[in-house]
C-alpha atoms as a PDB file:
ATOM      1  CA  MET A   1      -0.004   0.020  -0.002  1.00  0.00           C
ATOM      2  CA  ASN A   2       1.404   3.375  -0.999  1.00  0.00           C
ATOM      3  CA  THR A   3       1.118   6.614   0.944  1.00  0.00           C
ATOM      4  CA  LYS A   4       1.658  10.211  -0.057  1.00  0.00           C
ATOM      5  CA  LEU A   5       4.726  11.987   1.298  1.00  0.00           C
ATOM      6  CA  THR A   6       5.449  15.707   1.102  1.00  0.00           C
ATOM      7  CA  LEU A   7       9.068  16.785   0.828  1.00  0.00           C
ATOM      8  CA  THR A   8      10.563  20.272   0.914  1.00  0.00           C
ATOM      9  CA  ILE A   9      13.759  20.729  -1.052  1.00  0.00           C
ATOM     10  CA  GLU A  10      15.496  23.531  -2.899  1.00  0.00           C
ATOM     11  CA  LYS A  11      13.714  24.442  -6.140  1.00  0.00           C
ATOM     12  CA  ASN A  12      16.819  24.030  -8.363  1.00  0.00           C
ATOM     13  CA  VAL A  13      17.458  20.576  -6.864  1.00  0.00           C
ATOM     14  CA  ALA A  14      13.848  19.548  -7.451  1.00  0.00           C
ATOM     15  CA  GLU A  15      13.974  20.716 -11.066  1.00  0.00           C
ATOM     16  CA  ALA A  16      17.278  18.950 -11.736  1.00  0.00           C
ATOM     17  CA  ILE A  17      16.244  15.646 -10.176  1.00  0.00           C
ATOM     18  CA  LYS A  18      12.962  15.662 -12.104  1.00  0.00           C
ATOM     19  CA  GLU A  19      14.919  16.052 -15.336  1.00  0.00           C
ATOM     20  CA  TYR A  20      17.315  13.304 -14.263  1.00  0.00           C
ATOM     21  CA  ALA A  21      14.456  10.935 -13.395  1.00  0.00           C
ATOM     22  CA  TYR A  22      12.680  11.616 -16.685  1.00  0.00           C
ATOM     23  CA  SER A  23      15.814  11.120 -18.750  1.00  0.00           C
ATOM     24  CA  ASN A  24      16.423   7.785 -17.060  1.00  0.00           C
ATOM     25  CA  ASP A  25      12.852   6.489 -17.463  1.00  0.00           C
ATOM     26  CA  ARG A  26      12.204   6.689 -13.712  1.00  0.00           C
ATOM     27  CA  THR A  27       9.702   8.505 -11.565  1.00  0.00           C
ATOM     28  CA  LEU A  28      10.872  10.776  -8.822  1.00  0.00           C
ATOM     29  CA  SER A  29       8.869   8.723  -6.359  1.00  0.00           C
ATOM     30  CA  GLU A  30      10.614   5.525  -7.501  1.00  0.00           C
ATOM     31  CA  MET A  31      14.066   7.097  -7.107  1.00  0.00           C
ATOM     32  CA  ILE A  32      13.291   8.395  -3.629  1.00  0.00           C
ATOM     33  CA  GLU A  33      11.741   5.080  -2.545  1.00  0.00           C
ATOM     34  CA  ASN A  34      14.741   3.114  -3.776  1.00  0.00           C
ATOM     35  CA  TYR A  35      17.105   5.478  -1.914  1.00  0.00           C
ATOM     36  CA  PHE A  36      15.144   5.043   1.309  1.00  0.00           C
ATOM     37  CA  LYS A  37      15.122   1.269   0.873  1.00  0.00           C
ATOM     38  CA  LEU A  38      18.874   1.359   0.478  1.00  0.00           C
ATOM     39  CA  ILE A  39      19.234   3.245   3.745  1.00  0.00           C
ATOM     40  CA  LEU A  40      16.696   1.167   5.674  1.00  0.00           C
ATOM     41  CA  TYR A  41      17.269  -2.395   4.466  1.00  0.00           C
ATOM     42  CA  ASN A  42      20.880  -2.591   3.366  1.00  0.00           C
ATOM     43  CA  ARG A  43      22.531  -0.380   5.953  1.00  0.00           C
ATOM     44  CA  ALA A  44      25.400  -0.430   3.496  1.00  0.00           C
ATOM     45  CA  PRO A  45      28.225   2.057   3.052  1.00  0.00           C
ATOM     46  CA  LYS A  46      27.716   5.097   0.834  1.00  0.00           C
ATOM     47  CA  THR A  47      29.354   3.306  -2.097  1.00  0.00           C
ATOM     48  CA  ALA A  48      26.754   0.534  -2.102  1.00  0.00           C
ATOM     49  CA  ALA A  49      24.584  -0.255  -5.100  1.00  0.00           C
ATOM     50  CA  THR A  50      20.817   0.259  -5.271  1.00  0.00           C
ATOM     51  CA  PRO A  51      18.464  -2.475  -4.156  1.00  0.00           C
ATOM     52  CA  ILE A  52      17.775  -3.337  -7.806  1.00  0.00           C
ATOM     53  CA  VAL A  53      21.475  -3.789  -8.551  1.00  0.00           C
ATOM     54  CA  ASN A  54      21.950  -5.804  -5.359  1.00  0.00           C
ATOM     55  CA  SER A  55      19.138  -8.102  -6.426  1.00  0.00           C
ATOM     56  CA  LEU A  56      21.183  -9.004  -9.524  1.00  0.00           C
ATOM     57  CA  LYS A  57      24.132 -10.309  -7.538  1.00  0.00           C
ATOM     58  CA  GLY A  58      25.024 -13.790  -8.661  1.00  0.00           C
ATOM     59  CA  ALA A  59      22.815 -13.530 -11.749  1.00  0.00           C
ATOM     60  CA  PHE A  60      25.798 -14.199 -14.012  1.00  0.00           C
ATOM     61  CA  LYS A  61      29.421 -15.226 -13.664  1.00  0.00           C
ATOM     62  CA  ILE A  62      32.306 -13.038 -14.835  1.00  0.00           C
ATOM     63  CA  PRO A  63      35.338 -14.861 -16.230  1.00  0.00           C
ATOM     64  CA  LYS A  64      38.343 -14.769 -13.873  1.00  0.00           C
ATOM     65  CA  ASP A  65      40.462 -13.034 -16.453  1.00  0.00           C
ATOM     66  CA  PHE A  66      37.851 -10.299 -17.123  1.00  0.00           C
ATOM     67  CA  ASP A  67      39.425  -6.819 -17.102  1.00  0.00           C
ATOM     68  CA  TYR A  68      36.624  -4.404 -16.246  1.00  0.00           C
ATOM     69  CA  LYS A  69      38.834  -1.357 -16.763  1.00  0.00           C
ATOM     70  CA  GLU A  70      39.602  -2.484 -20.282  1.00  0.00           C
ATOM     71  CA  ALA A  71      35.934  -3.255 -20.948  1.00  0.00           C
ATOM     72  CA  LEU A  72      34.868   0.154 -19.653  1.00  0.00           C
ATOM     73  CA  SER A  73      37.513   1.868 -21.694  1.00  0.00           C
ATOM     74  CA  ASP A  74      36.380  -0.028 -24.864  1.00  0.00           C
ATOM     75  CA  ALA A  75      32.744   0.828 -24.211  1.00  0.00           C
ATOM     76  CA  LEU A  76      33.520   4.506 -23.702  1.00  0.00           C
ATOM     77  CA  VAL A  77      35.581   4.697 -26.893  1.00  0.00           C
ATOM     78  CA  GLU A  78      32.773   2.987 -28.828  1.00  0.00           C
ATOM     79  CA  LYS A  79      30.126   5.269 -27.320  1.00  0.00           C
ATOM     80  CA  HIS A  80      31.944   8.466 -28.067  1.00  0.00           C
ATOM     81  CA  LEU A  81      33.268   7.580 -31.476  1.00  0.00           C
ATOM     82  CA  LYS A  82      29.838   6.807 -32.946  1.00  0.00           C
END
């Protein structure tokens, strides 16, 4: 069951986060709820992933010789050269 929550934040922050949410196909409510879930349920350090990302842990296996820095570099080159 959902409930309505009223928040007061700076106007420029509200406008920016609404744009961010829209550009990422998310609702502002969804983003705030996921953040609160992260705080309440995970009690994880600030560098922790979102609950959605955490739910994916173990979903696939990465090869032992996988170089994530190289993969990231390749992906960024491909993204920005197209």
